[in-house]
Amino acid sequence: MKMTALLALLPTAFLLALFIAWRRRMNQPDEDLAVLRRLEQAGPNPTQSHHPEFFLYLPTQAAAESLAQELNADGFRTEVQSSERNGMWLCLATKAMTLDESTLRDLRSRLTAMAEARGGEYDGWGTTLR
């Protein structure tokens, strides 16, 4: 009887996990906007050229290098290095660009898809204040 009750809860637990993942993804662009607003408050004009760094974590060195090649072809400078993050490999990508909400939203979507296609994840961006 206990096993039947447990099995009955599995679909609910699965749907809850999907909902949590969806909510997390939906809130991601808010993080980009929050960083952009902090950047504006700190003084630098986001409409001037910046060199943001984009952090992508991949399960293997080959996957990270494959992603780096694709990003290089799109005008990014990349660096692949081992990471302390659960044995993942970091593909650090930079590109001179102006920072605006639309560009960041599109990049998040694109970089997330590129990383996930290789079994990895996109972990956001940052930039130095100039």
C-alpha atoms as a PDB file:
ATOM      1  CA  MET A   1       0.000   0.000   0.000  1.00  0.00           C
ATOM      2  CA  LYS A   2       2.812   2.416   0.866  1.00  0.00           C
ATOM      3  CA  MET A   3       4.476   1.753  -2.498  1.00  0.00           C
ATOM      4  CA  THR A   4       1.241   2.571  -4.326  1.00  0.00           C
ATOM      5  CA  ALA A   5       0.918   5.864  -2.455  1.00  0.00           C
ATOM      6  CA  LEU A   6       4.532   6.683  -3.263  1.00  0.00           C
ATOM      7  CA  LEU A   7       4.015   5.934  -6.938  1.00  0.00           C
ATOM      8  CA  ALA A   8       0.915   8.132  -6.962  1.00  0.00           C
ATOM      9  CA  LEU A   9       2.997  11.072  -5.722  1.00  0.00           C
ATOM     10  CA  LEU A  10       5.647  10.758  -8.445  1.00  0.00           C
ATOM     11  CA  PRO A  11       3.697  12.652 -11.147  1.00  0.00           C
ATOM     12  CA  THR A  12       2.999  15.476  -8.691  1.00  0.00           C
ATOM     13  CA  ALA A  13       6.650  15.659  -7.656  1.00  0.00           C
ATOM     14  CA  PHE A  14       7.710  15.673 -11.302  1.00  0.00           C
ATOM     15  CA  LEU A  15       5.304  18.500 -12.154  1.00  0.00           C
ATOM     16  CA  LEU A  16       6.492  20.472  -9.131  1.00  0.00           C
ATOM     17  CA  ALA A  17      10.121  20.067 -10.237  1.00  0.00           C
ATOM     18  CA  LEU A  18       9.218  21.236 -13.750  1.00  0.00           C
ATOM     19  CA  PHE A  19       7.381  24.255 -12.345  1.00  0.00           C
ATOM     20  CA  ILE A  20      10.346  25.214 -10.135  1.00  0.00           C
ATOM     21  CA  ALA A  21      12.741  24.920 -13.077  1.00  0.00           C
ATOM     22  CA  TRP A  22      10.405  27.001 -15.249  1.00  0.00           C
ATOM     23  CA  ARG A  23      10.098  29.723 -12.576  1.00  0.00           C
ATOM     24  CA  ARG A  24      13.860  29.791 -12.172  1.00  0.00           C
ATOM     25  CA  ARG A  25      14.314  30.244 -15.914  1.00  0.00           C
ATOM     26  CA  MET A  26      11.652  32.940 -16.101  1.00  0.00           C
ATOM     27  CA  ASN A  27      13.432  34.931 -13.363  1.00  0.00           C
ATOM     28  CA  GLN A  28      16.821  34.759 -15.093  1.00  0.00           C
ATOM     29  CA  PRO A  29      16.290  37.855 -17.284  1.00  0.00           C
ATOM     30  CA  ASP A  30      15.460  39.776 -14.103  1.00  0.00           C
ATOM     31  CA  GLU A  31      18.995  39.032 -12.933  1.00  0.00           C
ATOM     32  CA  ASP A  32      20.387  40.563 -16.134  1.00  0.00           C
ATOM     33  CA  LEU A  33      18.244  43.644 -15.660  1.00  0.00           C
ATOM     34  CA  ALA A  34      19.307  43.953 -12.005  1.00  0.00           C
ATOM     35  CA  VAL A  35      23.001  43.861 -12.958  1.00  0.00           C
ATOM     36  CA  LEU A  36      22.373  46.384 -15.730  1.00  0.00           C
ATOM     37  CA  ARG A  37      20.622  48.727 -13.263  1.00  0.00           C
ATOM     38  CA  ARG A  38      23.488  48.400 -10.750  1.00  0.00           C
ATOM     39  CA  LEU A  39      25.919  49.204 -13.535  1.00  0.00           C
ATOM     40  CA  GLU A  40      23.934  52.330 -14.425  1.00  0.00           C
ATOM     41  CA  GLN A  41      23.854  53.413 -10.767  1.00  0.00           C
ATOM     42  CA  ALA A  42      27.610  52.930 -10.429  1.00  0.00           C
ATOM     43  CA  GLY A  43      28.219  55.511 -13.125  1.00  0.00           C
ATOM     44  CA  PRO A  44      29.402  53.869 -16.349  1.00  0.00           C
ATOM     45  CA  ASN A  45      27.154  54.475 -19.313  1.00  0.00           C
ATOM     46  CA  PRO A  46      25.900  51.047 -20.455  1.00  0.00           C
ATOM     47  CA  THR A  47      25.299  52.436 -23.949  1.00  0.00           C
ATOM     48  CA  GLN A  48      29.058  52.861 -24.357  1.00  0.00           C
ATOM     49  CA  SER A  49      31.136  49.844 -25.330  1.00  0.00           C
ATOM     50  CA  HIS A  50      31.902  47.404 -22.511  1.00  0.00           C
ATOM     51  CA  HIS A  51      33.670  44.047 -22.459  1.00  0.00           C
ATOM     52  CA  PRO A  52      31.324  41.787 -20.480  1.00  0.00           C
ATOM     53  CA  GLU A  53      32.419  38.293 -19.551  1.00  0.00           C
ATOM     54  CA  PHE A  54      29.975  35.433 -20.095  1.00  0.00           C
ATOM     55  CA  PHE A  55      30.385  32.282 -17.998  1.00  0.00           C
ATOM     56  CA  LEU A  56      29.503  28.935 -19.551  1.00  0.00           C
ATOM     57  CA  TYR A  57      30.191  25.607 -17.827  1.00  0.00           C
ATOM     58  CA  LEU A  58      30.527  22.400 -19.821  1.00  0.00           C
ATOM     59  CA  PRO A  59      30.987  18.769 -18.747  1.00  0.00           C
ATOM     60  CA  THR A  60      34.104  18.094 -20.832  1.00  0.00           C
ATOM     61  CA  GLN A  61      37.043  19.977 -22.249  1.00  0.00           C
ATOM     62  CA  ALA A  62      35.987  18.934 -25.762  1.00  0.00           C
ATOM     63  CA  ALA A  63      32.506  20.403 -25.239  1.00  0.00           C
ATOM     64  CA  ALA A  64      33.987  23.641 -23.904  1.00  0.00           C
ATOM     65  CA  GLU A  65      36.381  23.923 -26.839  1.00  0.00           C
ATOM     66  CA  SER A  66      33.580  23.213 -29.308  1.00  0.00           C
ATOM     67  CA  LEU A  67      31.513  26.010 -27.792  1.00  0.00           C
ATOM     68  CA  ALA A  68      34.544  28.321 -27.781  1.00  0.00           C
ATOM     69  CA  GLN A  69      35.045  27.743 -31.517  1.00  0.00           C
ATOM     70  CA  GLU A  70      31.417  28.562 -32.245  1.00  0.00           C
ATOM     71  CA  LEU A  71      31.591  31.731 -30.151  1.00  0.00           C
ATOM     72  CA  ASN A  72      34.910  32.768 -31.739  1.00  0.00           C
ATOM     73  CA  ALA A  73      33.262  32.574 -35.164  1.00  0.00           C
ATOM     74  CA  ASP A  74      30.655  34.995 -33.822  1.00  0.00           C
ATOM     75  CA  GLY A  75      33.224  37.591 -32.738  1.00  0.00           C
ATOM     76  CA  PHE A  76      33.737  36.540 -29.115  1.00  0.00           C
ATOM     77  CA  ARG A  77      37.149  36.044 -27.554  1.00  0.00           C
ATOM     78  CA  THR A  78      37.163  32.865 -25.514  1.00  0.00           C
ATOM     79  CA  GLU A  79      39.261  31.047 -22.976  1.00  0.00           C
ATOM     80  CA  VAL A  80      38.737  27.446 -21.883  1.00  0.00           C
ATOM     81  CA  GLN A  81      39.962  26.338 -18.485  1.00  0.00           C
ATOM     82  CA  SER A  82      39.263  23.675 -15.906  1.00  0.00           C
ATOM     83  CA  SER A  83      36.884  24.741 -13.186  1.00  0.00           C
ATOM     84  CA  GLU A  84      36.415  23.930  -9.517  1.00  0.00           C
ATOM     85  CA  ARG A  85      32.699  23.559 -10.230  1.00  0.00           C
ATOM     86  CA  ASN A  86      32.023  19.813  -9.992  1.00  0.00           C
ATOM     87  CA  GLY A  87      34.710  18.959 -12.539  1.00  0.00           C
ATOM     88  CA  MET A  88      33.108  21.175 -15.189  1.00  0.00           C
ATOM     89  CA  TRP A  89      35.091  23.153 -17.750  1.00  0.00           C
ATOM     90  CA  LEU A  90      34.674  26.915 -18.011  1.00  0.00           C
ATOM     91  CA  CYS A  91      34.300  28.589 -21.376  1.00  0.00           C
ATOM     92  CA  LEU A  92      34.804  32.284 -20.625  1.00  0.00           C
ATOM     93  CA  ALA A  93      33.622  34.467 -23.502  1.00  0.00           C
ATOM     94  CA  THR A  94      34.088  38.223 -23.918  1.00  0.00           C
ATOM     95  CA  LYS A  95      32.976  40.638 -26.583  1.00  0.00           C
ATOM     96  CA  ALA A  96      32.955  44.412 -26.934  1.00  0.00           C
ATOM     97  CA  MET A  97      29.328  45.545 -26.954  1.00  0.00           C
ATOM     98  CA  THR A  98      26.845  48.001 -25.598  1.00  0.00           C
ATOM     99  CA  LEU A  99      24.708  46.630 -22.809  1.00  0.00           C
ATOM    100  CA  ASP A 100      20.968  46.901 -23.090  1.00  0.00           C
ATOM    101  CA  GLU A 101      18.062  44.805 -21.931  1.00  0.00           C
ATOM    102  CA  SER A 102      17.177  43.422 -25.367  1.00  0.00           C
ATOM    103  CA  THR A 103      20.740  42.379 -26.213  1.00  0.00           C
ATOM    104  CA  LEU A 104      21.237  40.718 -22.833  1.00  0.00           C
ATOM    105  CA  ARG A 105      17.913  38.871 -23.050  1.00  0.00           C
ATOM    106  CA  ASP A 106      18.778  37.561 -26.533  1.00  0.00           C
ATOM    107  CA  LEU A 107      22.298  36.579 -25.483  1.00  0.00           C
ATOM    108  CA  ARG A 108      21.024  34.751 -22.397  1.00  0.00           C
ATOM    109  CA  SER A 109      18.630  32.746 -24.529  1.00  0.00           C
ATOM    110  CA  ARG A 110      21.241  31.949 -27.163  1.00  0.00           C
ATOM    111  CA  LEU A 111      24.091  31.142 -24.757  1.00  0.00           C
ATOM    112  CA  THR A 112      21.814  28.985 -22.609  1.00  0.00           C
ATOM    113  CA  ALA A 113      20.744  26.976 -25.670  1.00  0.00           C
ATOM    114  CA  MET A 114      24.346  26.604 -26.881  1.00  0.00           C
ATOM    115  CA  ALA A 115      25.559  25.385 -23.488  1.00  0.00           C
ATOM    116  CA  GLU A 116      22.611  23.049 -22.910  1.00  0.00           C
ATOM    117  CA  ALA A 117      23.090  21.495 -26.367  1.00  0.00           C
ATOM    118  CA  ARG A 118      26.493  20.355 -25.097  1.00  0.00           C
ATOM    119  CA  GLY A 119      25.255  19.205 -21.676  1.00  0.00           C
ATOM    120  CA  GLY A 120      26.355  22.395 -19.924  1.00  0.00           C
ATOM    121  CA  GLU A 121      24.897  25.561 -18.486  1.00  0.00           C
ATOM    122  CA  TYR A 122      25.123  29.311 -18.881  1.00  0.00           C
ATOM    123  CA  ASP A 123      25.831  31.021 -15.556  1.00  0.00           C
ATOM    124  CA  GLY A 124      25.420  34.696 -16.398  1.00  0.00           C
ATOM    125  CA  TRP A 125      27.699  37.622 -17.084  1.00  0.00           C
ATOM    126  CA  GLY A 126      29.668  40.364 -15.420  1.00  0.00           C
ATOM    127  CA  THR A 127      31.757  43.374 -16.358  1.00  0.00           C
ATOM    128  CA  THR A 128      34.270  45.642 -14.714  1.00  0.00           C
ATOM    129  CA  LEU A 129      33.457  49.263 -13.992  1.00  0.00           C
ATOM    130  CA  ARG A 130      35.518  51.706 -16.016  1.00  0.00           C
END
